[in-house]
C-alpha cells in the first residue's frame, strides 16, 4: 500500500486511528532510513505549535477552539508520513495491520 497515493479521505481515516498512526510515527521516528531532516522538522514544528500560545482559532470558542489543535496535529502527522520514504511507510503499515 502506497500511503501517498491514497485519497485524502483514506489518509484521514488511517491517521484518525490514533493507536495505528502513533505506532507508525513511532517506528518512523526511530528508523535510521528515514532522513534526520524529516524527523527534526516534524519534531520542531510540533514542539513549536504546542509551546507557542497563539491558536488558529481561540480556545474560548466552545468545541471549535479545541478541534483546531487536533486538526493541526493530524495534518502534521500526515505530512510527516508523506515525506517519509514510501517503501518504509508501506513496510510499517503492513506490520501494523498484523497487530
PDB file of N, CA and C in Angstrom:
ATOM      1  N   UNK A   1       0.842  -1.177   0.000  1.00  0.00           N
ATOM      2  CA  UNK A   1       0.000   0.000   0.000  1.00  0.00           C
ATOM      3  C   UNK A   1       0.887   1.239   0.000  1.00  0.00           C
ATOM      4  N   UNK A   2       0.681   2.096  -0.966  1.00  0.00           N
ATOM      5  CA  UNK A   2       1.443   3.339  -1.049  1.00  0.00           C
ATOM      6  C   UNK A   2       0.612   4.449  -0.402  1.00  0.00           C
ATOM      7  N   UNK A   3       1.061   4.886   0.755  1.00  0.00           N
ATOM      8  CA  UNK A   3       0.309   5.872   1.546  1.00  0.00           C
ATOM      9  C   UNK A   3       0.101   7.162   0.780  1.00  0.00           C
ATOM     10  N   UNK A   4       1.097   7.609   0.046  1.00  0.00           N
ATOM     11  CA  UNK A   4       0.988   8.898  -0.649  1.00  0.00           C
ATOM     12  C   UNK A   4      -0.028   8.867  -1.778  1.00  0.00           C
ATOM     13  N   UNK A   5      -0.351   7.689  -2.286  1.00  0.00           N
ATOM     14  CA  UNK A   5      -1.320   7.604  -3.384  1.00  0.00           C
ATOM     15  C   UNK A   5      -2.751   7.456  -2.898  1.00  0.00           C
ATOM     16  N   UNK A   6      -2.933   7.327  -1.589  1.00  0.00           N
ATOM     17  CA  UNK A   6      -4.285   7.217  -1.060  1.00  0.00           C
ATOM     18  C   UNK A   6      -4.990   8.557  -1.166  1.00  0.00           C
ATOM     19  N   UNK A   7      -6.297   8.507  -1.259  1.00  0.00           N
ATOM     20  CA  UNK A   7      -7.066   9.750  -1.277  1.00  0.00           C
ATOM     21  C   UNK A   7      -6.949  10.431   0.079  1.00  0.00           C
ATOM     22  N   UNK A   8      -7.276  11.693   0.123  1.00  0.00           N
ATOM     23  CA  UNK A   8      -7.212  12.452   1.376  1.00  0.00           C
ATOM     24  C   UNK A   8      -8.106  11.804   2.423  1.00  0.00           C
ATOM     25  N   UNK A   9      -9.285  11.356   2.018  1.00  0.00           N
ATOM     26  CA  UNK A   9     -10.218  10.751   2.958  1.00  0.00           C
ATOM     27  C   UNK A   9      -9.653   9.457   3.547  1.00  0.00           C
ATOM     28  N   UNK A  10      -9.033   8.608   2.720  1.00  0.00           N
ATOM     29  CA  UNK A  10      -8.468   7.352   3.217  1.00  0.00           C
ATOM     30  C   UNK A  10      -7.271   7.625   4.130  1.00  0.00           C
ATOM     31  N   UNK A  11      -6.466   8.629   3.787  1.00  0.00           N
ATOM     32  CA  UNK A  11      -5.357   9.003   4.675  1.00  0.00           C
ATOM     33  C   UNK A  11      -5.897   9.520   5.996  1.00  0.00           C
ATOM     34  N   UNK A  12      -6.984  10.306   5.955  1.00  0.00           N
ATOM     35  CA  UNK A  12      -7.592  10.818   7.176  1.00  0.00           C
ATOM     36  C   UNK A  12      -8.096   9.663   8.041  1.00  0.00           C
ATOM     37  N   UNK A  13      -8.747   8.679   7.423  1.00  0.00           N
ATOM     38  CA  UNK A  13      -9.245   7.534   8.184  1.00  0.00           C
ATOM     39  C   UNK A  13      -8.091   6.751   8.809  1.00  0.00           C
ATOM     40  N   UNK A  14      -6.954   6.677   8.123  1.00  0.00           N
ATOM     41  CA  UNK A  14      -5.795   5.992   8.690  1.00  0.00           C
ATOM     42  C   UNK A  14      -5.226   6.786   9.864  1.00  0.00           C
ATOM     43  N   UNK A  15      -5.055   8.089   9.694  1.00  0.00           N
ATOM     44  CA  UNK A  15      -4.471   8.939  10.727  1.00  0.00           C
ATOM     45  C   UNK A  15      -5.370   9.028  11.953  1.00  0.00           C
ATOM     46  N   UNK A  16      -6.682   9.062  11.760  1.00  0.00           N
ATOM     47  CA  UNK A  16      -7.598   9.226  12.882  1.00  0.00           C
ATOM     48  C   UNK A  16      -7.606   7.986  13.776  1.00  0.00           C
ATOM     49  N   UNK A  17      -7.140   6.852  13.270  1.00  0.00           N
ATOM     50  CA  UNK A  17      -6.966   5.659  14.093  1.00  0.00           C
ATOM     51  C   UNK A  17      -5.692   5.881  14.917  1.00  0.00           C
ATOM     52  N   UNK A  18      -5.858   6.518  16.053  1.00  0.00           N
ATOM     53  CA  UNK A  18      -4.734   7.018  16.848  1.00  0.00           C
ATOM     54  C   UNK A  18      -3.719   5.928  17.203  1.00  0.00           C
ATOM     55  N   UNK A  19      -4.109   4.761  17.718  1.00  0.00           N
ATOM     56  CA  UNK A  19      -3.079   3.761  18.048  1.00  0.00           C
ATOM     57  C   UNK A  19      -2.250   3.350  16.830  1.00  0.00           C
ATOM     58  N   UNK A  20      -2.895   3.193  15.703  1.00  0.00           N
ATOM     59  CA  UNK A  20      -2.204   2.787  14.482  1.00  0.00           C
ATOM     60  C   UNK A  20      -1.265   3.883  13.987  1.00  0.00           C
ATOM     61  N   UNK A  21      -1.726   5.112  13.965  1.00  0.00           N
ATOM     62  CA  UNK A  21      -0.894   6.198  13.454  1.00  0.00           C
ATOM     63  C   UNK A  21       0.249   6.524  14.411  1.00  0.00           C
ATOM     64  N   UNK A  22      -0.001   6.461  15.711  1.00  0.00           N
ATOM     65  CA  UNK A  22       1.076   6.711  16.677  1.00  0.00           C
ATOM     66  C   UNK A  22       2.148   5.636  16.566  1.00  0.00           C
ATOM     67  N   UNK A  23       1.728   4.384  16.394  1.00  0.00           N
ATOM     68  CA  UNK A  23       2.679   3.286  16.214  1.00  0.00           C
ATOM     69  C   UNK A  23       3.517   3.508  14.957  1.00  0.00           C
ATOM     70  N   UNK A  24       2.878   3.930  13.877  1.00  0.00           N
ATOM     71  CA  UNK A  24       3.589   4.186  12.630  1.00  0.00           C
ATOM     72  C   UNK A  24       4.604   5.319  12.794  1.00  0.00           C
ATOM     73  N   UNK A  25       4.175   6.418  13.386  1.00  0.00           N
ATOM     74  CA  UNK A  25       5.083   7.555  13.573  1.00  0.00           C
ATOM     75  C   UNK A  25       6.219   7.174  14.511  1.00  0.00           C
ATOM     76  N   UNK A  26       5.923   6.405  15.550  1.00  0.00           N
ATOM     77  CA  UNK A  26       6.968   5.951  16.480  1.00  0.00           C
ATOM     78  C   UNK A  26       8.037   5.163  15.725  1.00  0.00           C
ATOM     79  N   UNK A  27       7.616   4.217  14.894  1.00  0.00           N
ATOM     80  CA  UNK A  27       8.571   3.420  14.116  1.00  0.00           C
ATOM     81  C   UNK A  27       9.365   4.290  13.148  1.00  0.00           C
ATOM     82  N   UNK A  28       8.685   5.221  12.497  1.00  0.00           N
ATOM     83  CA  UNK A  28       9.378   6.089  11.542  1.00  0.00           C
ATOM     84  C   UNK A  28      10.392   6.994  12.240  1.00  0.00           C
ATOM     85  N   UNK A  29      10.060   7.473  13.434  1.00  0.00           N
ATOM     86  CA  UNK A  29      10.984   8.347  14.161  1.00  0.00           C
ATOM     87  C   UNK A  29      12.264   7.610  14.562  1.00  0.00           C
ATOM     88  N   UNK A  30      12.167   6.322  14.833  1.00  0.00           N
ATOM     89  CA  UNK A  30      13.339   5.561  15.270  1.00  0.00           C
ATOM     90  C   UNK A  30      14.041   4.817  14.130  1.00  0.00           C
ATOM     91  N   UNK A  31      13.465   4.834  12.951  1.00  0.00           N
ATOM     92  CA  UNK A  31      14.079   4.145  11.810  1.00  0.00           C
ATOM     93  C   UNK A  31      15.213   4.992  11.242  1.00  0.00           C
ATOM     94  N   UNK A  32      16.373   4.408  11.133  1.00  0.00           N
ATOM     95  CA  UNK A  32      17.558   5.131  10.642  1.00  0.00           C
ATOM     96  C   UNK A  32      17.480   5.437   9.145  1.00  0.00           C
ATOM     97  N   UNK A  33      16.582   4.769   8.421  1.00  0.00           N
ATOM     98  CA  UNK A  33      16.453   5.006   6.980  1.00  0.00           C
ATOM     99  C   UNK A  33      15.638   6.262   6.667  1.00  0.00           C
ATOM    100  N   UNK A  34      14.884   6.758   7.640  1.00  0.00           N
ATOM    101  CA  UNK A  34      14.107   7.995   7.454  1.00  0.00           C
ATOM    102  C   UNK A  34      15.066   9.164   7.667  1.00  0.00           C
ATOM    103  N   UNK A  35      15.103  10.114   6.748  1.00  0.00           N
ATOM    104  CA  UNK A  35      16.047  11.232   6.856  1.00  0.00           C
ATOM    105  C   UNK A  35      15.887  12.005   8.170  1.00  0.00           C
ATOM    106  N   UNK A  36      17.034  12.331   8.758  1.00  0.00           N
ATOM    107  CA  UNK A  36      17.037  13.068  10.029  1.00  0.00           C
ATOM    108  C   UNK A  36      16.383  14.440   9.873  1.00  0.00           C
ATOM    109  N   UNK A  37      16.520  15.042   8.705  1.00  0.00           N
ATOM    110  CA  UNK A  37      15.899  16.352   8.473  1.00  0.00           C
ATOM    111  C   UNK A  37      14.378  16.251   8.580  1.00  0.00           C
ATOM    112  N   UNK A  38      13.805  15.178   8.068  1.00  0.00           N
ATOM    113  CA  UNK A  38      12.365  14.958   8.149  1.00  0.00           C
ATOM    114  C   UNK A  38      11.926  14.821   9.607  1.00  0.00           C
ATOM    115  N   UNK A  39      12.674  14.024  10.373  1.00  0.00           N
ATOM    116  CA  UNK A  39      12.340  13.828  11.783  1.00  0.00           C
ATOM    117  C   UNK A  39      12.485  15.132  12.565  1.00  0.00           C
ATOM    118  N   UNK A  40      13.587  15.824  12.346  1.00  0.00           N
ATOM    119  CA  UNK A  40      13.849  17.059  13.073  1.00  0.00           C
ATOM    120  C   UNK A  40      12.822  18.130  12.779  1.00  0.00           C
ATOM    121  N   UNK A  41      12.471  18.280  11.514  1.00  0.00           N
ATOM    122  CA  UNK A  41      11.477  19.277  11.125  1.00  0.00           C
ATOM    123  C   UNK A  41      10.128  18.977  11.758  1.00  0.00           C
ATOM    124  N   UNK A  42       9.710  17.724  11.717  1.00  0.00           N
ATOM    125  CA  UNK A  42       8.448  17.322  12.336  1.00  0.00           C
ATOM    126  C   UNK A  42       8.473  17.611  13.833  1.00  0.00           C
ATOM    127  N   UNK A  43       9.542  17.218  14.502  1.00  0.00           N
ATOM    128  CA  UNK A  43       9.651  17.404  15.945  1.00  0.00           C
ATOM    129  C   UNK A  43       9.624  18.883  16.314  1.00  0.00           C
ATOM    130  N   UNK A  44      10.372  19.698  15.576  1.00  0.00           N
ATOM    131  CA  UNK A  44      10.436  21.130  15.874  1.00  0.00           C
ATOM    132  C   UNK A  44       9.089  21.805  15.637  1.00  0.00           C
ATOM    133  N   UNK A  45       8.419  21.479  14.544  1.00  0.00           N
ATOM    134  CA  UNK A  45       7.128  22.108  14.243  1.00  0.00           C
ATOM    135  C   UNK A  45       6.081  21.726  15.293  1.00  0.00           C
ATOM    136  N   UNK A  46       6.029  20.447  15.668  1.00  0.00           N
ATOM    137  CA  UNK A  46       5.071  20.025  16.690  1.00  0.00           C
ATOM    138  C   UNK A  46       5.389  20.706  18.016  1.00  0.00           C
ATOM    139  N   UNK A  47       6.645  20.747  18.376  1.00  0.00           N
ATOM    140  CA  UNK A  47       7.048  21.385  19.630  1.00  0.00           C
ATOM    141  C   UNK A  47       6.695  22.873  19.631  1.00  0.00           C
ATOM    142  N   UNK A  48       7.000  23.559  18.538  1.00  0.00           N
ATOM    143  CA  UNK A  48       6.663  24.977  18.442  1.00  0.00           C
ATOM    144  C   UNK A  48       5.156  25.210  18.522  1.00  0.00           C
ATOM    145  N   UNK A  49       4.395  24.363  17.854  1.00  0.00           N
ATOM    146  CA  UNK A  49       2.943  24.531  17.878  1.00  0.00           C
ATOM    147  C   UNK A  49       2.393  24.342  19.292  1.00  0.00           C
ATOM    148  N   UNK A  50       2.959  23.390  20.024  1.00  0.00           N
ATOM    149  CA  UNK A  50       2.475  23.154  21.380  1.00  0.00           C
ATOM    150  C   UNK A  50       2.942  24.220  22.366  1.00  0.00           C
ATOM    151  N   UNK A  51       4.106  24.831  22.113  1.00  0.00           N
ATOM    152  CA  UNK A  51       4.670  25.809  23.046  1.00  0.00           C
ATOM    153  C   UNK A  51       4.144  27.218  22.804  1.00  0.00           C
ATOM    154  N   UNK A  52       4.007  27.601  21.543  1.00  0.00           N
ATOM    155  CA  UNK A  52       3.561  28.965  21.222  1.00  0.00           C
ATOM    156  C   UNK A  52       2.078  29.092  21.578  1.00  0.00           C
ATOM    157  N   UNK A  53       1.725  30.104  22.368  1.00  0.00           N
ATOM    158  CA  UNK A  53       0.356  30.189  22.874  1.00  0.00           C
ATOM    159  C   UNK A  53      -0.694  30.653  21.865  1.00  0.00           C
ATOM    160  N   UNK A  54      -0.312  31.085  20.674  1.00  0.00           N
ATOM    161  CA  UNK A  54      -1.310  31.531  19.712  1.00  0.00           C
ATOM    162  C   UNK A  54      -1.971  30.328  19.037  1.00  0.00           C
ATOM    163  N   UNK A  55      -3.238  30.485  18.725  1.00  0.00           N
ATOM    164  CA  UNK A  55      -4.005  29.430  18.068  1.00  0.00           C
ATOM    165  C   UNK A  55      -4.587  29.955  16.771  1.00  0.00           C
ATOM    166  N   UNK A  56      -4.913  29.038  15.879  1.00  0.00           N
ATOM    167  CA  UNK A  56      -5.623  29.426  14.668  1.00  0.00           C
ATOM    168  C   UNK A  56      -7.010  29.944  15.032  1.00  0.00           C
ATOM    169  N   UNK A  57      -7.675  29.205  15.902  1.00  0.00           N
ATOM    170  CA  UNK A  57      -8.984  29.599  16.413  1.00  0.00           C
ATOM    171  C   UNK A  57      -8.856  29.619  17.935  1.00  0.00           C
ATOM    172  N   UNK A  58      -9.196  30.732  18.582  1.00  0.00           N
ATOM    173  CA  UNK A  58      -9.027  30.822  20.043  1.00  0.00           C
ATOM    174  C   UNK A  58      -9.785  29.721  20.788  1.00  0.00           C
ATOM    175  N   UNK A  59      -9.179  29.225  21.883  1.00  0.00           N
ATOM    176  CA  UNK A  59      -9.776  28.126  22.643  1.00  0.00           C
ATOM    177  C   UNK A  59     -11.041  28.516  23.388  1.00  0.00           C
ATOM    178  N   UNK A  60     -11.302  29.804  23.556  1.00  0.00           N
ATOM    179  CA  UNK A  60     -12.511  30.186  24.285  1.00  0.00           C
ATOM    180  C   UNK A  60     -13.779  29.985  23.464  1.00  0.00           C
ATOM    181  N   UNK A  61     -13.641  29.733  22.168  1.00  0.00           N
ATOM    182  CA  UNK A  61     -14.809  29.403  21.342  1.00  0.00           C
ATOM    183  C   UNK A  61     -15.104  27.919  21.579  1.00  0.00           C
ATOM    184  N   UNK A  62     -16.276  27.589  22.130  1.00  0.00           N
ATOM    185  CA  UNK A  62     -16.563  26.196  22.505  1.00  0.00           C
ATOM    186  C   UNK A  62     -16.407  25.234  21.331  1.00  0.00           C
ATOM    187  N   UNK A  63     -15.854  24.088  21.617  1.00  0.00           N
ATOM    188  CA  UNK A  63     -15.667  22.962  20.711  1.00  0.00           C
ATOM    189  C   UNK A  63     -14.709  23.266  19.563  1.00  0.00           C
ATOM    190  N   UNK A  64     -14.963  24.278  18.776  1.00  0.00           N
ATOM    191  CA  UNK A  64     -14.129  24.580  17.612  1.00  0.00           C
ATOM    192  C   UNK A  64     -12.727  24.995  18.033  1.00  0.00           C
ATOM    193  N   UNK A  65     -12.611  25.666  19.159  1.00  0.00           N
ATOM    194  CA  UNK A  65     -11.311  26.105  19.644  1.00  0.00           C
ATOM    195  C   UNK A  65     -10.380  24.948  19.961  1.00  0.00           C
ATOM    196  N   UNK A  66     -10.931  23.825  20.430  1.00  0.00           N
ATOM    197  CA  UNK A  66     -10.112  22.651  20.722  1.00  0.00           C
ATOM    198  C   UNK A  66      -9.885  21.798  19.471  1.00  0.00           C
ATOM    199  N   UNK A  67     -10.852  21.780  18.586  1.00  0.00           N
ATOM    200  CA  UNK A  67     -10.756  20.940  17.396  1.00  0.00           C
ATOM    201  C   UNK A  67      -9.643  21.412  16.467  1.00  0.00           C
ATOM    202  N   UNK A  68      -9.365  22.705  16.408  1.00  0.00           N
ATOM    203  CA  UNK A  68      -8.309  23.167  15.506  1.00  0.00           C
ATOM    204  C   UNK A  68      -6.950  22.626  15.926  1.00  0.00           C
ATOM    205  N   UNK A  69      -6.725  22.475  17.228  1.00  0.00           N
ATOM    206  CA  UNK A  69      -5.462  21.888  17.689  1.00  0.00           C
ATOM    207  C   UNK A  69      -5.329  20.456  17.192  1.00  0.00           C
ATOM    208  N   UNK A  70      -6.389  19.695  17.314  1.00  0.00           N
ATOM    209  CA  UNK A  70      -6.380  18.318  16.839  1.00  0.00           C
ATOM    210  C   UNK A  70      -6.167  18.267  15.329  1.00  0.00           C
ATOM    211  N   UNK A  71      -6.822  19.139  14.595  1.00  0.00           N
ATOM    212  CA  UNK A  71      -6.676  19.159  13.137  1.00  0.00           C
ATOM    213  C   UNK A  71      -5.240  19.463  12.726  1.00  0.00           C
ATOM    214  N   UNK A  72      -4.602  20.395  13.398  1.00  0.00           N
ATOM    215  CA  UNK A  72      -3.218  20.739  13.064  1.00  0.00           C
ATOM    216  C   UNK A  72      -2.289  19.564  13.357  1.00  0.00           C
ATOM    217  N   UNK A  73      -2.456  18.920  14.501  1.00  0.00           N
ATOM    218  CA  UNK A  73      -1.607  17.778  14.849  1.00  0.00           C
ATOM    219  C   UNK A  73      -1.810  16.642  13.853  1.00  0.00           C
ATOM    220  N   UNK A  74      -3.057  16.356  13.485  1.00  0.00           N
ATOM    221  CA  UNK A  74      -3.313  15.301  12.491  1.00  0.00           C
ATOM    222  C   UNK A  74      -2.706  15.664  11.140  1.00  0.00           C
ATOM    223  N   UNK A  75      -2.794  16.926  10.754  1.00  0.00           N
ATOM    224  CA  UNK A  75      -2.188  17.377   9.499  1.00  0.00           C
ATOM    225  C   UNK A  75      -0.666  17.187   9.544  1.00  0.00           C
ATOM    226  N   UNK A  76      -0.044  17.523  10.657  1.00  0.00           N
ATOM    227  CA  UNK A  76       1.405  17.363  10.778  1.00  0.00           C
ATOM    228  C   UNK A  76       1.809  15.897  10.733  1.00  0.00           C
ATOM    229  N   UNK A  77       1.032  15.027  11.372  1.00  0.00           N
ATOM    230  CA  UNK A  77       1.299  13.588  11.294  1.00  0.00           C
ATOM    231  C   UNK A  77       1.234  13.108   9.850  1.00  0.00           C
ATOM    232  N   UNK A  78       0.188  13.529   9.154  1.00  0.00           N
ATOM    233  CA  UNK A  78       0.015  13.142   7.752  1.00  0.00           C
ATOM    234  C   UNK A  78       1.197  13.612   6.905  1.00  0.00           C
ATOM    235  N   UNK A  79       1.620  14.841   7.099  1.00  0.00           N
ATOM    236  CA  UNK A  79       2.730  15.381   6.318  1.00  0.00           C
ATOM    237  C   UNK A  79       4.042  14.679   6.638  1.00  0.00           C
ATOM    238  N   UNK A  80       4.245  14.316   7.899  1.00  0.00           N
ATOM    239  CA  UNK A  80       5.455  13.570   8.265  1.00  0.00           C
ATOM    240  C   UNK A  80       5.484  12.218   7.566  1.00  0.00           C
ATOM    241  N   UNK A  81       4.344  11.535   7.549  1.00  0.00           N
ATOM    242  CA  UNK A  81       4.275  10.222   6.897  1.00  0.00           C
ATOM    243  C   UNK A  81       4.475  10.365   5.394  1.00  0.00           C
ATOM    244  N   UNK A  82       3.864  11.374   4.779  1.00  0.00           N
ATOM    245  CA  UNK A  82       4.007  11.583   3.337  1.00  0.00           C
ATOM    246  C   UNK A  82       5.464  11.854   2.963  1.00  0.00           C
ATOM    247  N   UNK A  83       6.179  12.591   3.794  1.00  0.00           N
ATOM    248  CA  UNK A  83       7.561  12.962   3.489  1.00  0.00           C
ATOM    249  C   UNK A  83       8.578  11.878   3.851  1.00  0.00           C
ATOM    250  N   UNK A  84       8.122  10.807   4.472  1.00  0.00           N
ATOM    251  CA  UNK A  84       8.999   9.671   4.767  1.00  0.00           C
ATOM    252  C   UNK A  84       9.048   8.772   3.538  1.00  0.00           C
ATOM    253  N   UNK A  85      10.138   8.016   3.364  1.00  0.00           N
ATOM    254  CA  UNK A  85      10.241   7.135   2.195  1.00  0.00           C
ATOM    255  C   UNK A  85       9.060   6.160   2.105  1.00  0.00           C
ATOM    256  N   UNK A  86       8.469   6.082   0.932  1.00  0.00           N
ATOM    257  CA  UNK A  86       7.234   5.311   0.732  1.00  0.00           C
ATOM    258  C   UNK A  86       7.415   3.829   1.045  1.00  0.00           C
ATOM    259  N   UNK A  87       8.559   3.257   0.699  1.00  0.00           N
ATOM    260  CA  UNK A  87       8.754   1.822   0.944  1.00  0.00           C
ATOM    261  C   UNK A  87       8.830   1.518   2.443  1.00  0.00           C
ATOM    262  N   UNK A  88       9.407   2.415   3.221  1.00  0.00           N
ATOM    263  CA  UNK A  88       9.495   2.219   4.663  1.00  0.00           C
ATOM    264  C   UNK A  88       8.110   2.343   5.290  1.00  0.00           C
ATOM    265  N   UNK A  89       7.354   3.341   4.850  1.00  0.00           N
ATOM    266  CA  UNK A  89       5.987   3.529   5.351  1.00  0.00           C
ATOM    267  C   UNK A  89       5.147   2.297   5.030  1.00  0.00           C
ATOM    268  N   UNK A  90       5.264   1.784   3.821  1.00  0.00           N
ATOM    269  CA  UNK A  90       4.493   0.605   3.419  1.00  0.00           C
ATOM    270  C   UNK A  90       4.842  -0.601   4.289  1.00  0.00           C
ATOM    271  N   UNK A  91       6.130  -0.784   4.602  1.00  0.00           N
ATOM    272  CA  UNK A  91       6.542  -1.900   5.460  1.00  0.00           C
ATOM    273  C   UNK A  91       5.903  -1.798   6.834  1.00  0.00           C
ATOM    274  N   UNK A  92       5.925  -0.617   7.416  1.00  0.00           N
ATOM    275  CA  UNK A  92       5.356  -0.441   8.749  1.00  0.00           C
ATOM    276  C   UNK A  92       3.837  -0.519   8.743  1.00  0.00           C
ATOM    277  N   UNK A  93       3.200  -0.089   7.676  1.00  0.00           N
ATOM    278  CA  UNK A  93       1.739  -0.223   7.590  1.00  0.00           C
ATOM    279  C   UNK A  93       1.356  -1.692   7.537  1.00  0.00           C
ATOM    280  N   UNK A  94       2.092  -2.483   6.752  1.00  0.00           N
ATOM    281  CA  UNK A  94       1.826  -3.928   6.700  1.00  0.00           C
ATOM    282  C   UNK A  94       2.041  -4.557   8.065  1.00  0.00           C
ATOM    283  N   UNK A  95       3.085  -4.135   8.755  1.00  0.00           N
ATOM    284  CA  UNK A  95       3.378  -4.648  10.092  1.00  0.00           C
ATOM    285  C   UNK A  95       2.257  -4.268  11.072  1.00  0.00           C
ATOM    286  N   UNK A  96       1.758  -3.038  10.971  1.00  0.00           N
ATOM    287  CA  UNK A  96       0.690  -2.585  11.861  1.00  0.00           C
ATOM    288  C   UNK A  96      -0.624  -3.316  11.605  1.00  0.00           C
ATOM    289  N   UNK A  97      -0.859  -3.702  10.359  1.00  0.00           N
ATOM    290  CA  UNK A  97      -2.098  -4.399  10.032  1.00  0.00           C
ATOM    291  C   UNK A  97      -2.127  -5.802  10.645  1.00  0.00           C
ATOM    292  N   UNK A  98      -0.954  -6.373  10.887  1.00  0.00           N
ATOM    293  CA  UNK A  98      -0.876  -7.700  11.506  1.00  0.00           C
ATOM    294  C   UNK A  98      -1.202  -7.647  12.991  1.00  0.00           C
ATOM    295  N   UNK A  99      -0.956  -6.479  13.613  1.00  0.00           N
ATOM    296  CA  UNK A  99      -1.162  -6.358  15.069  1.00  0.00           C
ATOM    297  C   UNK A  99      -2.608  -6.261  15.411  1.00  0.00           C
TER     298      UNK A  99
END
